[in-house]
Amino acid sequence: MSILEKTIGLLETMPNDKIETVYAFVRFIDSDIYRLPPESTSTKTEAIQSMLGIAHEYANPELIEQEEGAFERAIAEKYATDRC
């Protein structure tokens, strides 16, 4: 099964609001802003690093410890069942 087929299968199970987010992201990475000529690989890397740097400036170092295991806790909470 190809990556495209796997992706389509996964998208078919997602709610519309998540699909809209995925679509917006795919449009972004396919846009002319993101796409650079092949000879400018270093420029592309710099652009990606710049985007990550922008996100980094909003990071709160005090919350980094809380991020450790946050995904696991969220999944456990989401799928927790009350056994009464």
N, C-alpha and C. Protein backbone atom coordinates (compact mmCIF):
# COMPACT_ATOMS: atom_id res chain seq x y z
N MET A 1 0.86 -1.18 0.00
CA MET A 1 0.00 0.00 0.00
C MET A 1 0.90 1.24 0.00
N SER A 2 0.60 2.18 -0.88
CA SER A 2 1.42 3.38 -0.98
C SER A 2 1.12 4.36 0.15
N ILE A 3 2.01 5.31 0.33
CA ILE A 3 1.82 6.35 1.34
C ILE A 3 0.54 7.13 1.04
N LEU A 4 0.28 7.40 -0.23
CA LEU A 4 -0.94 8.12 -0.60
C LEU A 4 -2.18 7.34 -0.18
N GLU A 5 -2.19 6.04 -0.44
CA GLU A 5 -3.33 5.21 -0.06
C GLU A 5 -3.51 5.16 1.46
N LYS A 6 -2.39 5.07 2.18
CA LYS A 6 -2.47 5.07 3.65
C LYS A 6 -3.02 6.40 4.16
N THR A 7 -2.56 7.49 3.54
CA THR A 7 -3.01 8.82 3.95
C THR A 7 -4.50 9.00 3.68
N ILE A 8 -4.94 8.58 2.52
CA ILE A 8 -6.36 8.69 2.18
C ILE A 8 -7.20 7.87 3.15
N GLY A 9 -6.74 6.66 3.48
CA GLY A 9 -7.45 5.83 4.45
C GLY A 9 -7.57 6.50 5.79
N LEU A 10 -6.49 7.13 6.24
CA LEU A 10 -6.52 7.84 7.51
C LEU A 10 -7.44 9.06 7.45
N LEU A 11 -7.38 9.80 6.35
CA LEU A 11 -8.23 10.98 6.21
C LEU A 11 -9.72 10.61 6.22
N GLU A 12 -10.04 9.44 5.70
CA GLU A 12 -11.44 9.01 5.66
C GLU A 12 -12.00 8.78 7.05
N THR A 13 -11.14 8.60 8.04
CA THR A 13 -11.61 8.35 9.40
C THR A 13 -11.62 9.61 10.27
N MET A 14 -11.11 10.71 9.73
CA MET A 14 -10.97 11.94 10.53
C MET A 14 -12.22 12.82 10.41
N PRO A 15 -12.53 13.57 11.48
CA PRO A 15 -13.63 14.54 11.40
C PRO A 15 -13.25 15.71 10.49
N ASN A 16 -14.26 16.38 9.97
CA ASN A 16 -14.03 17.46 8.99
C ASN A 16 -13.13 18.57 9.50
N ASP A 17 -13.24 18.94 10.77
CA ASP A 17 -12.41 20.05 11.26
C ASP A 17 -10.93 19.70 11.19
N LYS A 18 -10.58 18.45 11.44
CA LYS A 18 -9.18 18.03 11.34
C LYS A 18 -8.75 17.95 9.88
N ILE A 19 -9.65 17.52 9.01
CA ILE A 19 -9.33 17.45 7.59
C ILE A 19 -9.06 18.84 7.04
N GLU A 20 -9.81 19.83 7.49
CA GLU A 20 -9.59 21.21 7.06
C GLU A 20 -8.20 21.68 7.49
N THR A 21 -7.77 21.30 8.68
CA THR A 21 -6.44 21.67 9.16
C THR A 21 -5.36 21.01 8.31
N VAL A 22 -5.54 19.73 8.02
CA VAL A 22 -4.58 19.00 7.19
C VAL A 22 -4.52 19.63 5.81
N TYR A 23 -5.68 19.96 5.26
CA TYR A 23 -5.74 20.56 3.93
C TYR A 23 -5.00 21.90 3.90
N ALA A 24 -5.21 22.72 4.92
CA ALA A 24 -4.52 24.02 5.00
C ALA A 24 -3.01 23.83 5.05
N PHE A 25 -2.56 22.83 5.82
CA PHE A 25 -1.13 22.55 5.91
C PHE A 25 -0.57 22.08 4.58
N VAL A 26 -1.28 21.18 3.91
CA VAL A 26 -0.83 20.69 2.61
C VAL A 26 -0.77 21.83 1.61
N ARG A 27 -1.75 22.71 1.64
CA ARG A 27 -1.73 23.88 0.74
C ARG A 27 -0.51 24.75 1.03
N PHE A 28 -0.18 24.90 2.32
CA PHE A 28 0.99 25.71 2.69
C PHE A 28 2.27 25.10 2.14
N ILE A 29 2.47 23.81 2.37
CA ILE A 29 3.73 23.21 1.93
C ILE A 29 3.81 23.10 0.41
N ASP A 30 2.69 23.21 -0.27
CA ASP A 30 2.68 23.19 -1.72
C ASP A 30 2.72 24.60 -2.32
N SER A 31 2.70 25.62 -1.46
CA SER A 31 2.64 27.00 -1.94
C SER A 31 3.99 27.46 -2.47
N ASP A 32 3.96 28.55 -3.22
CA ASP A 32 5.18 29.13 -3.76
C ASP A 32 6.06 29.71 -2.66
N ILE A 33 5.46 30.08 -1.55
CA ILE A 33 6.23 30.62 -0.43
C ILE A 33 7.17 29.55 0.11
N TYR A 34 6.67 28.35 0.23
CA TYR A 34 7.45 27.24 0.79
C TYR A 34 8.40 26.65 -0.25
N ARG A 35 7.95 26.58 -1.49
CA ARG A 35 8.71 25.94 -2.56
C ARG A 35 9.81 26.87 -3.05
N LEU A 36 11.03 26.38 -3.07
CA LEU A 36 12.17 27.15 -3.55
C LEU A 36 12.87 26.36 -4.65
N PRO A 37 13.61 27.04 -5.50
CA PRO A 37 14.34 26.32 -6.55
C PRO A 37 15.30 25.29 -5.97
N PRO A 38 15.53 24.17 -6.68
CA PRO A 38 16.41 23.11 -6.16
C PRO A 38 17.80 23.60 -5.79
N GLU A 39 18.32 24.58 -6.52
CA GLU A 39 19.68 25.04 -6.24
C GLU A 39 19.77 25.85 -4.94
N SER A 40 18.63 26.19 -4.36
CA SER A 40 18.65 27.00 -3.14
C SER A 40 18.31 26.15 -1.92
N THR A 41 18.88 24.96 -1.83
CA THR A 41 18.62 24.05 -0.72
C THR A 41 18.95 24.71 0.61
N SER A 42 20.06 25.43 0.67
CA SER A 42 20.43 26.07 1.93
C SER A 42 19.43 27.16 2.28
N THR A 43 18.89 27.85 1.27
CA THR A 43 17.88 28.87 1.52
C THR A 43 16.61 28.24 2.07
N LYS A 44 16.26 27.06 1.55
CA LYS A 44 15.08 26.35 2.03
C LYS A 44 15.28 25.95 3.49
N THR A 45 16.46 25.45 3.80
CA THR A 45 16.77 25.07 5.18
C THR A 45 16.69 26.29 6.09
N GLU A 46 17.23 27.41 5.62
CA GLU A 46 17.18 28.65 6.40
C GLU A 46 15.73 29.09 6.61
N ALA A 47 14.89 28.94 5.59
CA ALA A 47 13.48 29.33 5.72
C ALA A 47 12.78 28.48 6.77
N ILE A 48 13.05 27.19 6.75
CA ILE A 48 12.44 26.28 7.73
C ILE A 48 12.94 26.62 9.12
N GLN A 49 14.25 26.85 9.27
CA GLN A 49 14.80 27.22 10.57
C GLN A 49 14.21 28.53 11.06
N SER A 50 13.96 29.46 10.14
CA SER A 50 13.36 30.73 10.51
C SER A 50 11.94 30.53 11.04
N MET A 51 11.17 29.64 10.38
CA MET A 51 9.82 29.36 10.85
C MET A 51 9.85 28.74 12.24
N LEU A 52 10.77 27.81 12.45
CA LEU A 52 10.89 27.19 13.77
C LEU A 52 11.34 28.21 14.81
N GLY A 53 12.22 29.12 14.40
CA GLY A 53 12.69 30.16 15.31
C GLY A 53 11.57 31.08 15.76
N ILE A 54 10.66 31.39 14.85
CA ILE A 54 9.53 32.23 15.19
C ILE A 54 8.68 31.55 16.25
N ALA A 55 8.43 30.26 16.09
CA ALA A 55 7.65 29.52 17.08
C ALA A 55 8.40 29.46 18.41
N HIS A 56 9.72 29.34 18.34
CA HIS A 56 10.53 29.21 19.55
C HIS A 56 10.44 30.46 20.43
N GLU A 57 10.30 31.62 19.82
CA GLU A 57 10.26 32.84 20.62
C GLU A 57 9.01 32.93 21.50
N TYR A 58 7.99 32.14 21.18
CA TYR A 58 6.77 32.13 21.99
C TYR A 58 6.77 31.00 23.02
N ALA A 59 7.81 30.21 23.04
CA ALA A 59 7.89 29.08 23.98
C ALA A 59 8.01 29.60 25.41
N ASN A 60 7.38 28.89 26.32
CA ASN A 60 7.44 29.23 27.73
C ASN A 60 8.29 28.16 28.43
N PRO A 61 9.53 28.49 28.80
CA PRO A 61 10.42 27.48 29.41
C PRO A 61 9.84 26.85 30.68
N GLU A 62 8.99 27.58 31.38
CA GLU A 62 8.41 27.05 32.62
C GLU A 62 7.43 25.90 32.34
N LEU A 63 6.93 25.81 31.12
CA LEU A 63 5.95 24.78 30.78
C LEU A 63 6.59 23.54 30.14
N ILE A 64 7.88 23.59 29.87
CA ILE A 64 8.54 22.48 29.19
C ILE A 64 8.42 21.18 30.00
N GLU A 65 8.58 21.26 31.33
CA GLU A 65 8.45 20.06 32.16
C GLU A 65 7.06 19.45 32.04
N GLN A 66 6.03 20.30 31.91
CA GLN A 66 4.67 19.80 31.80
C GLN A 66 4.43 19.11 30.46
N GLU A 67 5.22 19.47 29.45
CA GLU A 67 5.06 18.86 28.14
C GLU A 67 5.49 17.40 28.14
N GLU A 68 6.43 17.06 28.99
CA GLU A 68 6.90 15.68 29.07
C GLU A 68 5.74 14.77 29.47
N GLY A 69 5.37 13.88 28.59
CA GLY A 69 4.28 12.95 28.86
C GLY A 69 2.88 13.53 28.65
N ALA A 70 2.80 14.75 28.14
CA ALA A 70 1.49 15.39 27.95
C ALA A 70 0.63 14.62 26.96
N PHE A 71 1.24 14.14 25.88
CA PHE A 71 0.48 13.39 24.88
C PHE A 71 -0.10 12.12 25.50
N GLU A 72 0.72 11.40 26.23
CA GLU A 72 0.26 10.16 26.86
C GLU A 72 -0.88 10.43 27.84
N ARG A 73 -0.75 11.50 28.62
CA ARG A 73 -1.83 11.85 29.57
C ARG A 73 -3.11 12.22 28.85
N ALA A 74 -2.99 12.96 27.77
CA ALA A 74 -4.17 13.38 27.01
C ALA A 74 -4.89 12.18 26.41
N ILE A 75 -4.12 11.24 25.87
CA ILE A 75 -4.72 10.03 25.28
C ILE A 75 -5.39 9.20 26.37
N ALA A 76 -4.72 9.05 27.51
CA ALA A 76 -5.30 8.28 28.61
C ALA A 76 -6.59 8.92 29.08
N GLU A 77 -6.60 10.25 29.17
CA GLU A 77 -7.81 10.95 29.62
C GLU A 77 -8.93 10.83 28.58
N LYS A 78 -8.57 10.98 27.32
CA LYS A 78 -9.57 10.92 26.24
C LYS A 78 -10.25 9.55 26.18
N TYR A 79 -9.47 8.50 26.35
CA TYR A 79 -10.01 7.16 26.19
C TYR A 79 -10.28 6.45 27.52
N ALA A 80 -10.22 7.19 28.61
CA ALA A 80 -10.51 6.59 29.92
C ALA A 80 -11.97 6.17 29.97
N THR A 81 -12.22 5.04 30.57
CA THR A 81 -13.59 4.58 30.74
C THR A 81 -13.91 4.44 32.22
N ASP A 82 -15.09 4.82 32.54
CA ASP A 82 -15.53 4.66 33.93
C ASP A 82 -16.04 3.24 34.12
N ARG A 83 -15.41 2.53 35.01
CA ARG A 83 -15.82 1.14 35.25
C ARG A 83 -16.54 1.09 36.60
N CYS A 84 -17.82 1.25 36.53
CA CYS A 84 -18.62 1.24 37.75
C CYS A 84 -19.39 -0.05 37.89
